[in-house]
Amino acid sequence: MTTSPPPPPPSVRALSCTHCGGTIALRAAGSTVSLICEHCGTTLDATDPQLRIIAQANEAMRRPEIPLGTRGMLRGMTWEVVGYLERSDGGDGWSEYLLFNPYQGYAFLLDDGRRFSLGFLLDRLPAYTWGEMELDGEGYKRFGSSYATWVKFVVGEFYWRVAVDERVRVSDYVRPGAMISCEENDSERTWSQLSMLEWGEAETAFGLGRRRREWSTPSPHEASPYRDRLYESAIIGLIAAFTLIIIAIMGGGSTRVASADMQVSLDAATHSEVIRNIELPGRNSALTLSARADQLDNSWVDIDYSLVNRRTQENFDASALAEHYSGSDSDGAWSEGDSSPSIKLSSIPPGSYDLLVELGAHRWVPATSSTFAPRGFATGAPQIPVTITVDRGGMFGGNVLLGLILLLLWPAVLLFLHYSFEQRRLMILTEDDDE
């Protein structure tokens, strides 16, 4: 079994600032180009043995949240903080830590005040395909337009000549959890890739206190925390909904257990009839009570049902209305009404039942006017034939609909949360347009 060689001892050199005389630790000797004094903020040329002064810092020194020289383990590698700078694009700005590893070289730890991202310079160019950038087989969409950034504060050592007010133009391309950025000025163009770190990952690595998960504007490349859960719940919800529909269809068959033809007189006293010996064996049953009165013409029939258990005298009551109206007016002929109403009774206990049916028929007498010409009153025989049927089983559409709503409720909530997150993530584009 082979083991990797231990990391070399840190090559830290102690130098003196040529402006204030303070001691400066040079941590990445041989790679560092510019060095910023931790005591007075003076930018020095690290390639000059005498540390020639390049520029005087324009503001008082501030210490970064992660002190220079701090080491931490990120993504399985040990990194040391060697430089720190603050950038702005006219908004709140962000911080960047330059990390160094003798085997891996340099990396960037970007802190937007909410989340940390780990970045590396790219040694290859992304490809432009179908309106987006592609890198390592992954597509990145353009995030807003290009914008100018400048350095507000800098301290530590860097592999390029950095100074306050150094300006570059940046173009960002994002996908959930990652971003590639192009920085360019008059002399060069560089590409870098950022990966969003998990909550608390950078804080644990460098000994910082954990940050609260604020309900604020997310980073441009921050993945929605609801995205994966939304996909999972949607798939599970759709499978469950499909299963519910199949079960409802398979169990939606019905069996006729009773039928009777009745006659009811128009505008006469209520007529009652009884359908006897309706047998409901086994477990609780769903019943459908249907009426059919095809000869209704500008009239209606009130129907009252009472299903009575012959042994216990427990009764289940319901009512329905069969009606049909027609005529003509200024818009032409019209008709309305349902002459074949059905109602459903659920969870009827097994047993022997009688169904008491009370019928009352009435004719409709429309008001006369110059613009309303009814087709006429109900004519012919004063008796209206009504057929009553009782079917056992069947599907309750309302129950199935309620089940579907409950199954899809959680995916709908996650969809709303995901949409809200994406709207907040894109809010920065609106703010930039307003500016």
Protein backbone atom coordinates (compact mmCIF):
# COMPACT_ATOMS: atom_id res chain seq x y z
CA MET A 1 0.00 0.00 0.00
CA THR A 2 1.47 3.36 -1.07
CA THR A 3 0.92 6.58 0.77
CA SER A 4 1.17 10.12 -0.52
CA PRO A 5 4.24 12.04 0.63
CA PRO A 6 3.72 14.44 3.51
CA PRO A 7 3.31 18.11 2.59
CA PRO A 8 6.54 20.09 2.65
CA PRO A 9 7.17 22.39 5.57
CA PRO A 10 5.80 25.91 5.08
CA SER A 11 8.21 28.18 3.27
CA VAL A 12 7.50 31.35 5.23
CA ARG A 13 10.01 34.20 4.97
CA ALA A 14 10.09 37.15 7.36
CA LEU A 15 10.53 40.46 5.53
CA SER A 16 10.39 44.10 6.59
CA CYS A 17 8.07 46.67 5.09
CA THR A 18 10.12 49.42 3.41
CA HIS A 19 7.48 51.97 4.38
CA CYS A 20 6.74 51.34 8.06
CA GLY A 21 9.39 48.79 9.00
CA GLY A 22 6.83 46.21 10.14
CA THR A 23 7.57 42.50 9.81
CA ILE A 24 5.72 40.75 6.94
CA ALA A 25 5.37 36.99 6.47
CA LEU A 26 5.90 35.90 2.86
CA ARG A 27 4.08 32.54 2.69
CA ALA A 28 4.21 31.59 -0.99
CA ALA A 29 7.76 32.56 -1.90
CA GLY A 30 8.49 32.16 -5.58
CA SER A 31 4.82 32.55 -6.56
CA THR A 32 3.89 35.86 -4.95
CA VAL A 33 4.14 38.97 -7.16
CA SER A 34 2.64 41.66 -4.94
CA LEU A 35 2.58 41.87 -1.16
CA ILE A 36 0.41 44.14 0.99
CA CYS A 37 1.73 45.13 4.40
CA GLU A 38 -0.51 44.01 7.23
CA HIS A 39 0.56 46.99 9.34
CA CYS A 40 0.31 50.06 7.12
CA GLY A 41 -1.48 48.76 4.01
CA THR A 42 1.35 49.60 1.60
CA THR A 43 1.48 47.55 -1.60
CA LEU A 44 4.99 46.16 -2.19
CA ASP A 45 6.67 44.45 -5.11
CA ALA A 46 7.51 40.94 -3.84
CA THR A 47 9.76 40.30 -6.85
CA ASP A 48 12.08 43.12 -5.74
CA PRO A 49 14.51 42.00 -3.02
CA GLN A 50 14.17 45.43 -1.43
CA LEU A 51 10.35 45.24 -1.49
CA ARG A 52 10.03 48.42 -3.56
CA ILE A 53 6.92 50.47 -2.70
CA ILE A 54 4.30 50.28 -5.48
CA ALA A 55 1.40 52.22 -3.96
CA GLN A 56 0.26 53.60 -0.65
CA ALA A 57 -3.07 52.17 0.62
CA ASN A 58 -5.92 54.70 0.52
CA GLU A 59 -7.75 53.67 3.68
CA ALA A 60 -7.05 52.44 7.20
CA MET A 61 -6.16 48.81 7.67
CA ARG A 62 -8.93 46.33 8.40
CA ARG A 63 -8.41 42.74 9.36
CA PRO A 64 -10.30 40.07 7.35
CA GLU A 65 -12.70 37.74 9.14
CA ILE A 66 -10.31 34.86 8.43
CA PRO A 67 -6.82 36.05 9.49
CA LEU A 68 -3.93 35.68 7.07
CA GLY A 69 -1.97 32.50 7.71
CA THR A 70 -5.04 30.52 8.81
CA ARG A 71 -5.13 26.96 7.52
CA GLY A 72 -8.24 24.93 6.83
CA MET A 73 -9.36 21.70 5.16
CA LEU A 74 -11.71 22.17 2.18
CA ARG A 75 -12.79 19.37 -0.12
CA GLY A 76 -10.07 17.08 1.20
CA MET A 77 -7.18 19.53 0.81
CA THR A 78 -5.41 21.84 3.24
CA TRP A 79 -5.38 25.50 2.22
CA GLU A 80 -3.66 28.50 3.79
CA VAL A 81 -5.07 32.03 3.57
CA VAL A 82 -2.34 34.20 2.02
CA GLY A 83 -4.29 37.16 0.68
CA TYR A 84 -7.53 39.03 1.14
CA LEU A 85 -9.32 41.63 -0.96
CA GLU A 86 -12.70 43.30 -1.15
CA ARG A 87 -14.45 44.06 -4.43
CA SER A 88 -17.49 46.11 -5.37
CA ASP A 89 -19.70 46.50 -8.41
CA GLY A 90 -21.51 49.50 -6.97
CA GLY A 91 -23.67 47.39 -4.66
CA ASP A 92 -22.91 45.73 -1.34
CA GLY A 93 -19.74 44.08 -2.67
CA TRP A 94 -18.05 40.85 -1.60
CA SER A 95 -14.79 39.50 -0.19
CA GLU A 96 -12.24 37.14 -1.74
CA TYR A 97 -9.60 35.14 0.12
CA LEU A 98 -6.61 33.88 -1.83
CA LEU A 99 -5.78 30.34 -0.71
CA PHE A 100 -2.50 28.52 -1.32
CA ASN A 101 -1.53 24.86 -1.32
CA PRO A 102 2.03 23.86 -2.36
CA TYR A 103 0.71 20.95 -4.46
CA GLN A 104 -2.48 22.49 -5.87
CA GLY A 105 -1.40 26.09 -6.26
CA TYR A 106 -3.95 28.85 -5.69
CA ALA A 107 -7.69 28.90 -5.08
CA PHE A 108 -10.26 31.55 -4.19
CA LEU A 109 -12.69 31.55 -1.29
CA LEU A 110 -15.43 34.00 -2.17
CA ASP A 111 -17.64 35.37 0.61
CA ASP A 112 -20.77 37.30 -0.42
CA GLY A 113 -21.77 37.86 3.20
CA ARG A 114 -24.22 34.97 3.11
CA ARG A 115 -22.56 31.94 1.52
CA PHE A 116 -19.03 30.86 0.65
CA SER A 117 -17.87 29.58 -2.75
CA LEU A 118 -14.61 27.90 -3.71
CA GLY A 119 -13.08 28.94 -7.03
CA PHE A 120 -10.18 28.05 -9.31
CA LEU A 121 -8.67 29.63 -12.40
CA LEU A 122 -9.49 27.66 -15.54
CA ASP A 123 -6.68 26.32 -17.68
CA ARG A 124 -9.06 25.81 -20.63
CA LEU A 125 -11.72 27.90 -22.33
CA PRO A 126 -15.42 27.05 -22.05
CA ALA A 127 -17.23 26.46 -25.34
CA TYR A 128 -20.11 28.62 -26.55
CA THR A 129 -22.96 26.37 -27.75
CA TRP A 130 -26.66 27.00 -28.31
CA GLY A 131 -26.75 30.32 -26.50
CA GLU A 132 -24.87 29.18 -23.38
CA MET A 133 -21.39 28.30 -22.18
CA GLU A 134 -20.40 24.64 -21.82
CA LEU A 135 -17.65 23.34 -19.54
CA ASP A 136 -16.95 19.66 -18.83
CA GLY A 137 -20.26 18.69 -20.40
CA GLU A 138 -22.31 21.08 -18.21
CA GLY A 139 -24.22 24.07 -19.55
CA TYR A 140 -24.03 27.52 -17.96
CA LYS A 141 -26.60 30.22 -18.72
CA ARG A 142 -25.73 33.89 -18.94
CA PHE A 143 -26.64 35.75 -15.73
CA GLY A 144 -27.38 39.35 -16.55
CA SER A 145 -25.09 41.61 -18.53
CA SER A 146 -21.39 42.35 -18.03
CA TYR A 147 -20.52 44.67 -15.16
CA ALA A 148 -17.50 46.56 -13.87
CA THR A 149 -15.84 45.72 -10.52
CA TRP A 150 -13.03 47.34 -8.63
CA VAL A 151 -10.84 46.52 -5.64
CA LYS A 152 -11.80 48.47 -2.51
CA PHE A 153 -9.32 46.94 -0.06
CA VAL A 154 -6.47 44.44 -0.25
CA VAL A 155 -3.98 42.88 2.15
CA GLY A 156 -1.62 39.91 1.99
CA GLU A 157 0.29 38.44 -0.93
CA PHE A 158 -0.87 37.72 -4.48
CA TYR A 159 0.49 36.16 -7.64
CA TRP A 160 -0.50 39.21 -9.69
CA ARG A 161 0.07 42.92 -9.19
CA VAL A 162 -3.10 43.92 -7.31
CA ALA A 163 -3.88 47.36 -5.92
CA VAL A 164 -6.81 49.39 -4.68
CA ASP A 165 -9.02 50.62 -7.55
CA GLU A 166 -7.86 47.86 -9.89
CA ARG A 167 -10.80 47.44 -12.29
CA VAL A 168 -11.98 44.55 -14.43
CA ARG A 169 -15.13 43.78 -16.39
CA VAL A 170 -16.94 40.58 -15.41
CA SER A 171 -19.40 38.32 -17.23
CA ASP A 172 -21.10 35.53 -15.26
CA TYR A 173 -22.61 32.24 -16.44
CA VAL A 174 -24.43 30.09 -13.91
CA ARG A 175 -25.97 26.71 -13.28
CA PRO A 176 -27.35 25.41 -9.96
CA GLY A 177 -24.42 25.27 -7.54
CA ALA A 178 -21.71 26.56 -9.87
CA MET A 179 -20.65 29.59 -11.89
CA ILE A 180 -17.97 30.44 -14.42
CA SER A 181 -16.84 34.05 -14.70
CA CYS A 182 -14.84 35.91 -17.31
CA GLU A 183 -12.72 38.82 -16.03
CA GLU A 184 -11.06 41.10 -18.54
CA ASN A 185 -9.24 44.40 -18.72
CA ASP A 186 -7.19 46.10 -21.40
CA SER A 187 -4.33 43.61 -21.18
CA GLU A 188 -5.78 40.17 -20.38
CA ARG A 189 -8.79 37.94 -19.99
CA THR A 190 -9.13 35.13 -17.43
CA TRP A 191 -11.79 32.51 -16.73
CA SER A 192 -12.56 31.04 -13.31
CA GLN A 193 -15.03 28.51 -11.93
CA LEU A 194 -16.85 28.80 -8.60
CA SER A 195 -18.60 26.02 -6.68
CA MET A 196 -21.05 26.81 -3.91
CA LEU A 197 -19.96 25.31 -0.57
CA GLU A 198 -22.45 23.72 1.80
CA TRP A 199 -23.80 25.76 4.68
CA GLY A 200 -21.16 25.80 7.43
CA GLU A 201 -18.46 24.06 5.35
CA ALA A 202 -16.08 27.03 5.14
CA GLU A 203 -16.91 28.14 8.68
CA THR A 204 -15.94 24.72 10.04
CA ALA A 205 -12.74 24.61 7.96
CA PHE A 206 -11.46 28.00 9.13
CA GLY A 207 -12.90 28.18 12.64
CA LEU A 208 -15.69 30.71 12.01
CA GLY A 209 -19.05 30.86 13.72
CA ARG A 210 -21.90 29.32 11.74
CA ARG A 211 -24.02 31.79 9.83
CA ARG A 212 -27.80 31.91 10.00
CA ARG A 213 -29.71 30.78 6.95
CA GLU A 214 -31.17 34.15 6.10
CA TRP A 215 -34.24 34.63 3.91
CA SER A 216 -32.39 37.12 1.70
CA THR A 217 -31.32 37.41 -1.92
CA PRO A 218 -29.49 34.18 -2.88
CA SER A 219 -26.23 34.10 -4.82
CA PRO A 220 -26.56 33.99 -8.62
CA HIS A 221 -25.31 30.38 -8.70
CA GLU A 222 -27.02 29.19 -5.51
CA ALA A 223 -29.10 26.07 -6.11
CA SER A 224 -32.66 26.10 -4.86
CA PRO A 225 -32.90 24.00 -1.67
CA TYR A 226 -36.37 22.91 -2.82
CA ARG A 227 -35.40 21.79 -6.34
CA ASP A 228 -34.49 18.14 -5.64
CA ARG A 229 -37.31 17.70 -3.14
CA LEU A 230 -39.73 19.16 -5.70
CA TYR A 231 -38.69 16.63 -8.34
CA GLU A 232 -38.89 13.73 -5.89
CA SER A 233 -42.27 14.75 -4.48
CA ALA A 234 -43.66 15.42 -7.96
CA ILE A 235 -42.65 11.95 -9.16
CA ILE A 236 -44.03 10.27 -6.03
CA GLY A 237 -47.20 12.38 -6.16
CA LEU A 238 -47.84 11.60 -9.84
CA ILE A 239 -47.29 7.86 -9.29
CA ALA A 240 -49.64 7.91 -6.29
CA ALA A 241 -52.25 9.94 -8.22
CA PHE A 242 -52.06 7.55 -11.18
CA THR A 243 -52.43 4.59 -8.81
CA LEU A 244 -55.44 6.23 -7.14
CA ILE A 245 -57.12 6.80 -10.50
CA ILE A 246 -56.50 3.18 -11.58
CA ILE A 247 -57.92 1.87 -8.28
CA ALA A 248 -60.93 4.18 -8.60
CA ILE A 249 -61.60 2.99 -12.16
CA MET A 250 -61.16 -0.68 -11.30
CA GLY A 251 -63.32 -0.34 -8.21
CA GLY A 252 -65.81 1.96 -9.88
CA GLY A 253 -68.06 -0.74 -11.29
CA SER A 254 -71.67 -0.81 -10.11
CA THR A 255 -74.42 -3.45 -9.77
CA ARG A 256 -78.11 -2.74 -10.06
CA VAL A 257 -79.95 -3.94 -6.99
CA ALA A 258 -83.44 -2.46 -7.53
CA SER A 259 -85.57 -0.68 -10.13
CA ALA A 260 -89.17 0.55 -10.27
CA ASP A 261 -91.44 2.50 -12.67
CA MET A 262 -93.75 5.06 -11.08
CA GLN A 263 -96.37 7.60 -12.15
CA VAL A 264 -96.89 11.04 -10.66
CA SER A 265 -99.68 13.51 -11.48
CA LEU A 266 -98.94 17.11 -12.38
CA ASP A 267 -99.95 19.67 -9.74
CA ALA A 268 -101.50 16.96 -7.58
CA ALA A 269 -100.82 15.73 -4.07
CA THR A 270 -97.49 14.11 -3.29
CA HIS A 271 -97.33 10.49 -4.39
CA SER A 272 -95.42 7.83 -2.37
CA GLU A 273 -94.19 4.40 -3.34
CA VAL A 274 -91.91 1.84 -1.68
CA ILE A 275 -89.22 -0.31 -3.29
CA ARG A 276 -88.89 -3.27 -0.94
CA ASN A 277 -86.25 -5.87 -0.13
CA ILE A 278 -83.10 -4.12 -1.26
CA GLU A 279 -80.33 -6.46 -0.11
CA LEU A 280 -76.87 -5.10 0.65
CA PRO A 281 -74.59 -7.98 1.70
CA GLY A 282 -70.98 -7.88 2.86
CA ARG A 283 -69.37 -4.65 3.99
CA ASN A 284 -70.53 -1.03 3.81
CA SER A 285 -71.74 -0.07 0.36
CA ALA A 286 -72.00 3.03 -1.77
CA LEU A 287 -75.40 3.48 -3.41
CA THR A 288 -76.46 5.57 -6.38
CA LEU A 289 -80.13 6.59 -6.51
CA SER A 290 -81.16 7.67 -10.01
CA ALA A 291 -84.42 9.05 -11.39
CA ARG A 292 -85.44 9.43 -15.02
CA ALA A 293 -88.41 11.51 -16.20
CA ASP A 294 -88.10 11.89 -19.98
CA GLN A 295 -91.57 13.39 -20.55
CA LEU A 296 -91.03 16.54 -18.53
CA ASP A 297 -91.85 19.67 -20.51
CA ASN A 298 -91.69 23.01 -18.67
CA SER A 299 -92.25 21.10 -15.45
CA TRP A 300 -90.39 19.48 -12.62
CA VAL A 301 -90.60 16.60 -10.13
CA ASP A 302 -89.50 16.87 -6.50
CA ILE A 303 -88.12 13.51 -5.32
CA ASP A 304 -87.49 12.62 -1.67
CA TYR A 305 -85.77 9.34 -0.75
CA SER A 306 -85.70 7.54 2.57
CA LEU A 307 -83.68 4.33 2.73
CA VAL A 308 -84.83 2.40 5.83
CA ASN A 309 -83.07 -0.59 7.40
CA ARG A 310 -85.83 -3.14 7.95
CA ARG A 311 -84.24 -4.56 11.11
CA THR A 312 -82.90 -1.49 12.91
CA GLN A 313 -85.21 1.14 11.30
CA GLU A 314 -82.14 3.32 10.72
CA ASN A 315 -82.87 5.58 7.78
CA PHE A 316 -80.79 7.53 5.25
CA ASP A 317 -82.53 10.48 3.61
CA ALA A 318 -81.79 12.32 0.38
CA SER A 319 -83.59 14.41 -2.23
CA ALA A 320 -83.32 15.21 -5.92
CA LEU A 321 -84.99 17.40 -8.55
CA ALA A 322 -85.85 16.30 -12.09
CA GLU A 323 -86.69 19.26 -14.34
CA HIS A 324 -86.83 20.42 -17.91
CA TYR A 325 -87.70 23.84 -19.33
CA SER A 326 -87.65 25.22 -22.86
CA GLY A 327 -88.85 28.19 -24.85
CA SER A 328 -87.63 30.99 -27.06
CA ASP A 329 -86.78 34.64 -26.68
CA SER A 330 -84.96 37.35 -28.59
CA ASP A 331 -81.85 35.19 -28.70
CA GLY A 332 -83.71 32.21 -30.13
CA ALA A 333 -84.78 28.83 -28.74
CA TRP A 334 -83.41 27.62 -25.41
CA SER A 335 -83.74 24.68 -23.03
CA GLU A 336 -82.32 23.82 -19.63
CA GLY A 337 -82.69 21.44 -16.71
CA ASP A 338 -81.73 17.85 -15.82
CA SER A 339 -84.45 15.27 -16.24
CA SER A 340 -82.21 12.41 -14.98
CA PRO A 341 -80.72 13.44 -11.62
CA SER A 342 -78.56 11.07 -9.56
CA ILE A 343 -77.38 11.23 -5.97
CA LYS A 344 -74.90 9.08 -4.09
CA LEU A 345 -75.03 7.64 -0.60
CA SER A 346 -71.75 6.42 0.93
CA SER A 347 -70.98 3.81 3.59
CA ILE A 348 -74.42 2.21 3.86
CA PRO A 349 -74.17 -0.72 6.34
CA PRO A 350 -75.04 -4.21 5.05
CA GLY A 351 -78.59 -5.38 5.56
CA SER A 352 -82.08 -5.51 4.06
CA TYR A 353 -83.64 -2.14 3.17
CA ASP A 354 -86.83 -0.54 1.90
CA LEU A 355 -86.64 2.63 -0.19
CA LEU A 356 -89.50 5.09 0.36
CA VAL A 357 -89.90 7.45 -2.62
CA GLU A 358 -92.10 10.57 -2.44
CA LEU A 359 -92.86 12.32 -5.74
CA GLY A 360 -94.47 15.71 -6.37
CA ALA A 361 -94.84 17.06 -9.95
CA HIS A 362 -95.52 20.66 -10.92
CA ARG A 363 -95.78 22.56 -14.15
CA TRP A 364 -94.05 25.86 -14.84
CA VAL A 365 -96.22 28.81 -15.95
CA PRO A 366 -93.92 31.47 -17.49
CA ALA A 367 -94.77 35.16 -17.42
CA THR A 368 -95.83 36.54 -20.84
CA SER A 369 -94.08 39.49 -22.42
CA SER A 370 -93.52 40.94 -25.86
CA THR A 371 -89.95 39.63 -25.95
CA PHE A 372 -90.57 36.20 -24.41
CA ALA A 373 -92.44 33.46 -26.22
CA PRO A 374 -92.46 30.17 -24.27
CA ARG A 375 -92.95 26.96 -26.12
CA GLY A 376 -95.99 26.26 -24.00
CA PHE A 377 -97.15 24.41 -20.93
CA ALA A 378 -96.76 20.73 -20.40
CA THR A 379 -99.50 19.08 -22.41
CA GLY A 380 -100.82 15.61 -22.94
CA ALA A 381 -101.47 13.05 -20.17
CA PRO A 382 -101.53 14.45 -16.64
CA GLN A 383 -99.34 11.56 -15.52
CA ILE A 384 -95.52 11.86 -15.63
CA PRO A 385 -93.70 8.51 -15.77
CA VAL A 386 -90.62 8.33 -13.50
CA THR A 387 -88.14 5.44 -13.34
CA ILE A 388 -86.19 4.95 -10.10
CA THR A 389 -83.06 2.77 -10.03
CA VAL A 390 -80.72 1.76 -7.20
CA ASP A 391 -77.12 0.79 -8.04
CA ARG A 392 -74.52 -0.51 -5.63
CA GLY A 393 -70.85 0.50 -5.96
CA GLY A 394 -69.54 3.11 -8.37
CA MET A 395 -66.92 5.84 -8.06
CA PHE A 396 -67.30 9.00 -6.04
CA GLY A 397 -65.71 11.71 -8.15
CA GLY A 398 -65.53 14.12 -5.23
CA ASN A 399 -63.58 11.67 -3.07
CA VAL A 400 -61.18 10.90 -5.89
CA LEU A 401 -60.68 14.62 -6.52
CA LEU A 402 -60.04 15.24 -2.81
CA GLY A 403 -57.50 12.39 -2.78
CA LEU A 404 -55.73 13.85 -5.82
CA ILE A 405 -55.58 17.29 -4.19
CA LEU A 406 -54.10 15.85 -0.99
CA LEU A 407 -51.52 13.81 -2.94
CA LEU A 408 -50.40 16.81 -4.97
CA LEU A 409 -50.58 19.36 -2.15
CA TRP A 410 -46.98 18.88 -0.96
CA PRO A 411 -45.51 19.12 -4.50
CA ALA A 412 -47.56 22.29 -4.97
CA VAL A 413 -46.14 23.79 -1.76
CA LEU A 414 -42.58 22.91 -2.82
CA LEU A 415 -43.25 24.39 -6.27
CA PHE A 416 -44.33 27.65 -4.64
CA LEU A 417 -41.22 27.72 -2.41
CA HIS A 418 -38.94 26.91 -5.35
CA TYR A 419 -40.54 29.63 -7.47
CA SER A 420 -40.19 32.16 -4.63
CA PHE A 421 -36.50 31.24 -4.24
CA GLU A 422 -35.84 31.66 -7.96
CA GLN A 423 -37.61 35.03 -7.98
CA ARG A 424 -35.38 36.22 -5.13
CA ARG A 425 -32.28 34.87 -6.88
CA LEU A 426 -33.13 36.83 -10.02
CA MET A 427 -33.96 39.95 -8.02
CA ILE A 428 -30.36 41.12 -8.35
CA LEU A 429 -30.91 41.46 -12.12
CA THR A 430 -33.89 43.76 -11.50
CA GLU A 431 -31.84 45.81 -9.06
CA ASP A 432 -29.06 46.16 -11.62
CA ASP A 433 -31.56 47.30 -14.28
CA ASP A 434 -32.98 49.90 -11.88
CA GLU A 435 -29.51 51.28 -11.28
